[in-house]
C-alpha atoms as a PDB file:
ATOM      1  CA  MET A   1    -228.464  -1.535-133.923  1.00  0.00           C
ATOM      2  CA  ALA A   2    -227.428  -4.216-131.459  1.00  0.00           C
ATOM      3  CA  LYS A   3    -226.814  -3.245-127.860  1.00  0.00           C
ATOM      4  CA  GLY A   4    -223.259  -3.416-126.596  1.00  0.00           C
ATOM      5  CA  LYS A   5    -220.074  -1.902-127.876  1.00  0.00           C
ATOM      6  CA  GLY A   6    -221.323  -0.621-131.190  1.00  0.00           C
ATOM      7  CA  PHE A   7    -219.573  -0.717-134.530  1.00  0.00           C
ATOM      8  CA  ILE A   8    -216.497   1.279-133.472  1.00  0.00           C
ATOM      9  CA  GLY A   9    -216.024  -0.795-130.317  1.00  0.00           C
ATOM     10  CA  GLU A  10    -216.311  -4.066-132.243  1.00  0.00           C
ATOM     11  CA  PHE A  11    -213.849  -2.813-134.859  1.00  0.00           C
ATOM     12  CA  LYS A  12    -211.368  -1.778-132.148  1.00  0.00           C
ATOM     13  CA  GLU A  13    -211.668  -5.212-130.501  1.00  0.00           C
ATOM     14  CA  PHE A  14    -211.115  -6.929-133.870  1.00  0.00           C
ATOM     15  CA  VAL A  15    -208.022  -4.851-134.661  1.00  0.00           C
ATOM     16  CA  MET A  16    -206.490  -5.320-131.218  1.00  0.00           C
ATOM     17  CA  ARG A  17    -206.736  -9.119-131.315  1.00  0.00           C
ATOM     18  CA  GLY A  18    -203.348 -10.802-131.275  1.00  0.00           C
ATOM     19  CA  ASN A  19    -203.660 -12.630-134.589  1.00  0.00           C
ATOM     20  CA  VAL A  20    -204.529  -9.454-136.527  1.00  0.00           C
ATOM     21  CA  MET A  21    -201.581  -7.586-135.055  1.00  0.00           C
ATOM     22  CA  ASP A  22    -199.268 -10.539-135.770  1.00  0.00           C
ATOM     23  CA  MET A  23    -200.474 -10.591-139.366  1.00  0.00           C
ATOM     24  CA  ALA A  24    -199.837  -6.847-139.742  1.00  0.00           C
ATOM     25  CA  VAL A  25    -196.301  -7.202-138.406  1.00  0.00           C
ATOM     26  CA  GLY A  26    -195.744 -10.168-140.753  1.00  0.00           C
ATOM     27  CA  VAL A  27    -196.900  -8.191-143.783  1.00  0.00           C
ATOM     28  CA  ILE A  28    -194.646  -5.245-142.936  1.00  0.00           C
ATOM     29  CA  ILE A  29    -191.611  -7.458-142.329  1.00  0.00           C
ATOM     30  CA  GLY A  30    -192.407  -9.447-145.486  1.00  0.00           C
ATOM     31  CA  ALA A  31    -192.503  -6.270-147.574  1.00  0.00           C
ATOM     32  CA  ALA A  32    -189.203  -5.081-146.128  1.00  0.00           C
ATOM     33  CA  PHE A  33    -187.647  -8.493-146.724  1.00  0.00           C
ATOM     34  CA  GLY A  34    -188.949  -8.464-150.296  1.00  0.00           C
ATOM     35  CA  ASN A  35    -187.209  -5.136-150.849  1.00  0.00           C
ATOM     36  CA  ILE A  36    -183.938  -6.579-149.533  1.00  0.00           C
ATOM     37  CA  VAL A  37    -184.177  -9.588-151.839  1.00  0.00           C
ATOM     38  CA  THR A  38    -185.054  -7.351-154.803  1.00  0.00           C
ATOM     39  CA  ALA A  39    -182.007  -5.185-154.078  1.00  0.00           C
ATOM     40  CA  LEU A  40    -179.844  -8.316-153.866  1.00  0.00           C
ATOM     41  CA  THR A  41    -181.037  -9.595-157.230  1.00  0.00           C
ATOM     42  CA  ASP A  42    -180.823  -6.165-158.891  1.00  0.00           C
ATOM     43  CA  SER A  43    -177.325  -5.478-157.551  1.00  0.00           C
ATOM     44  CA  PHE A  44    -175.654  -8.885-157.751  1.00  0.00           C
ATOM     45  CA  ILE A  45    -177.677 -11.617-159.434  1.00  0.00           C
ATOM     46  CA  ASN A  46    -178.913  -9.665-162.476  1.00  0.00           C
ATOM     47  CA  PRO A  47    -175.379  -8.581-163.466  1.00  0.00           C
ATOM     48  CA  LEU A  48    -174.305 -12.240-163.195  1.00  0.00           C
ATOM     49  CA  ILE A  49    -177.198 -13.244-165.456  1.00  0.00           C
ATOM     50  CA  ALA A  50    -176.194 -10.491-167.877  1.00  0.00           C
ATOM     51  CA  VAL A  51    -172.600 -11.734-167.929  1.00  0.00           C
ATOM     52  CA  CYS A  52    -173.742 -15.322-168.576  1.00  0.00           C
ATOM     53  CA  THR A  53    -176.188 -14.366-171.330  1.00  0.00           C
ATOM     54  CA  GLY A  54    -174.175 -11.514-172.831  1.00  0.00           C
ATOM     55  CA  GLY A  55    -176.804  -8.872-172.145  1.00  0.00           C
ATOM     56  CA  SER A  56    -175.348  -5.377-171.850  1.00  0.00           C
ATOM     57  CA  GLY A  57    -175.938  -2.278-173.878  1.00  0.00           C
ATOM     58  CA  GLU A  58    -175.729   1.502-173.948  1.00  0.00           C
ATOM     59  CA  ASP A  59    -178.199   1.818-171.058  1.00  0.00           C
ATOM     60  CA  GLY A  60    -175.972  -0.276-168.785  1.00  0.00           C
ATOM     61  CA  VAL A  61    -176.568  -3.820-167.654  1.00  0.00           C
ATOM     62  CA  GLN A  62    -179.693  -5.401-169.032  1.00  0.00           C
ATOM     63  CA  ILE A  63    -181.286  -8.222-167.111  1.00  0.00           C
ATOM     64  CA  GLY A  64    -180.210 -11.260-169.078  1.00  0.00           C
ATOM     65  CA  GLY A  65    -181.401 -10.403-172.514  1.00  0.00           C
ATOM     66  CA  GLN A  66    -184.297 -10.686-174.845  1.00  0.00           C
ATOM     67  CA  PHE A  67    -185.288 -12.193-178.123  1.00  0.00           C
ATOM     68  CA  PHE A  68    -187.711 -11.002-180.779  1.00  0.00           C
ATOM     69  CA  VAL A  69    -190.518 -12.816-182.583  1.00  0.00           C
ATOM     70  CA  ASN A  70    -192.303 -10.798-185.295  1.00  0.00           C
ATOM     71  CA  GLY A  71    -190.996  -7.579-183.753  1.00  0.00           C
ATOM     72  CA  VAL A  72    -192.220  -8.419-180.232  1.00  0.00           C
ATOM     73  CA  ALA A  73    -189.554  -8.461-177.512  1.00  0.00           C
ATOM     74  CA  PHE A  74    -189.520 -11.327-174.997  1.00  0.00           C
ATOM     75  CA  ASN A  75    -187.447 -10.304-171.974  1.00  0.00           C
ATOM     76  CA  TYR A  76    -186.450 -13.662-170.522  1.00  0.00           C
ATOM     77  CA  GLY A  77    -183.905 -12.081-168.180  1.00  0.00           C
ATOM     78  CA  ALA A  78    -186.614 -10.371-166.128  1.00  0.00           C
ATOM     79  CA  PHE A  79    -188.406 -13.708-165.840  1.00  0.00           C
ATOM     80  CA  ILE A  80    -185.227 -15.428-164.636  1.00  0.00           C
ATOM     81  CA  SER A  81    -184.732 -12.622-162.109  1.00  0.00           C
ATOM     82  CA  ALA A  82    -188.297 -13.009-160.791  1.00  0.00           C
ATOM     83  CA  ILE A  83    -187.816 -16.773-160.387  1.00  0.00           C
ATOM     84  CA  ILE A  84    -184.581 -16.217-158.464  1.00  0.00           C
ATOM     85  CA  ASN A  85    -186.336 -13.623-156.244  1.00  0.00           C
ATOM     86  CA  PHE A  86    -189.096 -16.115-155.504  1.00  0.00           C
ATOM     87  CA  LEU A  87    -186.698 -18.974-154.731  1.00  0.00           C
ATOM     88  CA  ILE A  88    -184.634 -16.844-152.359  1.00  0.00           C
ATOM     89  CA  ILE A  89    -187.717 -15.622-150.474  1.00  0.00           C
ATOM     90  CA  ALA A  90    -189.255 -19.113-150.339  1.00  0.00           C
ATOM     91  CA  PHE A  91    -186.006 -20.644-149.031  1.00  0.00           C
ATOM     92  CA  ILE A  92    -185.591 -17.995-146.317  1.00  0.00           C
ATOM     93  CA  LEU A  93    -189.230 -18.323-145.242  1.00  0.00           C
ATOM     94  CA  PHE A  94    -188.864 -22.109-145.118  1.00  0.00           C
ATOM     95  CA  CYS A  95    -185.799 -21.773-142.879  1.00  0.00           C
ATOM     96  CA  MET A  96    -187.534 -19.222-140.641  1.00  0.00           C
ATOM     97  CA  ILE A  97    -190.675 -21.344-140.222  1.00  0.00           C
ATOM     98  CA  LYS A  98    -188.554 -24.416-139.510  1.00  0.00           C
ATOM     99  CA  ALA A  99    -186.644 -22.470-136.820  1.00  0.00           C
ATOM    100  CA  VAL A 100    -189.848 -21.112-135.266  1.00  0.00           C
ATOM    101  CA  ASN A 101    -191.408 -24.589-135.178  1.00  0.00           C
ATOM    102  CA  LYS A 102    -188.249 -25.958-133.549  1.00  0.00           C
ATOM    103  CA  ALA A 103    -188.281 -23.150-130.965  1.00  0.00           C
ATOM    104  CA  MET A 104    -191.975 -23.760-130.230  1.00  0.00           C
ATOM    105  CA  SER A 105    -191.360 -27.469-129.635  1.00  0.00           C
ATOM    106  CA  ILE A 106    -188.566 -26.834-127.115  1.00  0.00           C
ATOM    107  CA  GLY A 107    -189.894 -27.337-123.624  1.00  0.00           C
ATOM    108  CA  LYS A 108    -193.030 -29.197-124.691  1.00  0.00           C
ATOM    109  CA  LYS A 109    -193.375 -32.593-123.123  1.00  0.00           C
ATOM    110  CA  PRO A 110    -194.424 -35.390-125.430  1.00  0.00           C
ATOM    111  CA  GLU A 111    -197.950 -36.585-124.797  1.00  0.00           C
ATOM    112  CA  PRO A 112    -198.059 -39.824-122.840  1.00  0.00           C
ATOM    113  CA  MET A 113    -199.106 -42.916-124.737  1.00  0.00           C
ATOM    114  CA  ALA A 114    -202.675 -43.996-124.039  1.00  0.00           C
ATOM    115  CA  ALA A 115    -203.141 -47.371-122.395  1.00  0.00           C
ATOM    116  CA  PRO A 116    -203.866 -50.089-124.955  1.00  0.00           C
ATOM    117  CA  THR A 117    -207.479 -51.243-125.240  1.00  0.00           C
ATOM    118  CA  THR A 118    -206.850 -54.171-127.573  1.00  0.00           C
ATOM    119  CA  LYS A 119    -204.440 -57.053-127.945  1.00  0.00           C
ATOM    120  CA  LYS A 120    -203.564 -59.548-130.683  1.00  0.00           C
ATOM    121  CA  CYS A 121    -204.811 -63.091-130.644  1.00  0.00           C
ATOM    122  CA  PRO A 122    -201.731 -65.347-130.397  1.00  0.00           C
ATOM    123  CA  PHE A 123    -203.333 -67.827-132.803  1.00  0.00           C
ATOM    124  CA  CYS A 124    -204.912 -65.824-135.667  1.00  0.00           C
ATOM    125  CA  LYS A 125    -203.232 -62.439-134.975  1.00  0.00           C
ATOM    126  CA  SER A 126    -206.510 -60.472-135.156  1.00  0.00           C
ATOM    127  CA  GLU A 127    -207.259 -57.498-132.895  1.00  0.00           C
ATOM    128  CA  ILE A 128    -209.410 -58.405-129.903  1.00  0.00           C
ATOM    129  CA  ALA A 129    -210.547 -56.662-126.734  1.00  0.00           C
ATOM    130  CA  LEU A 130    -208.013 -56.563-123.926  1.00  0.00           C
ATOM    131  CA  ASP A 131    -210.307 -58.383-121.480  1.00  0.00           C
ATOM    132  CA  ALA A 132    -211.441 -61.086-123.953  1.00  0.00           C
ATOM    133  CA  THR A 133    -211.067 -64.734-122.886  1.00  0.00           C
ATOM    134  CA  ARG A 134    -211.924 -66.160-126.330  1.00  0.00           C
ATOM    135  CA  CYS A 135    -211.019 -64.850-129.771  1.00  0.00           C
ATOM    136  CA  PRO A 136    -214.151 -63.889-131.732  1.00  0.00           C
ATOM    137  CA  GLN A 137    -212.409 -64.723-135.029  1.00  0.00           C
ATOM    138  CA  CYS A 138    -210.877 -68.134-134.438  1.00  0.00           C
ATOM    139  CA  THR A 139    -212.697 -69.006-131.131  1.00  0.00           C
ATOM    140  CA  SER A 140    -209.413 -69.998-129.487  1.00  0.00           C
ATOM    141  CA  GLN A 141    -209.313 -70.079-125.700  1.00  0.00           C
ATOM    142  CA  LEU A 142    -206.975 -67.315-124.524  1.00  0.00           C
ATOM    143  CA  GLU A 143    -204.761 -67.711-121.486  1.00  0.00           C
ATOM    144  CA  GLU A 144    -205.445 -65.510-118.500  1.00  0.00           C
ATOM    145  CA  LYS A 145    -202.478 -63.521-117.235  1.00  0.00           C
END
């Protein structure tokens, strides 16, 4: 066993790091947000799909509908609902990440441009050293400034 904090101490240090805690908060918020989106699709979007596809029965509103091939049911409405869930979550996450990136860039100063180390030869247009007096490509004499 290595000297130092021991297994429990190392585990505590790992768990208390900022990035692990941020990830835990993100997972919890993501799960809660997923539940909200699922409730939205179950309560509003699935009935709209059912109205458009004519899927309703004795058990209430069915999600979209289904078709049968050799006695096997294919529930395409549930698939449409899952795609809509995914698109809603992806769009909201995109907007949130865009907003966070914008907020992070506020107050940051742009990095200053580095001083140029090369220039273009006025004759052959090749890149040459800034302090060159002759072009190595076309051997033209360059004017001193």
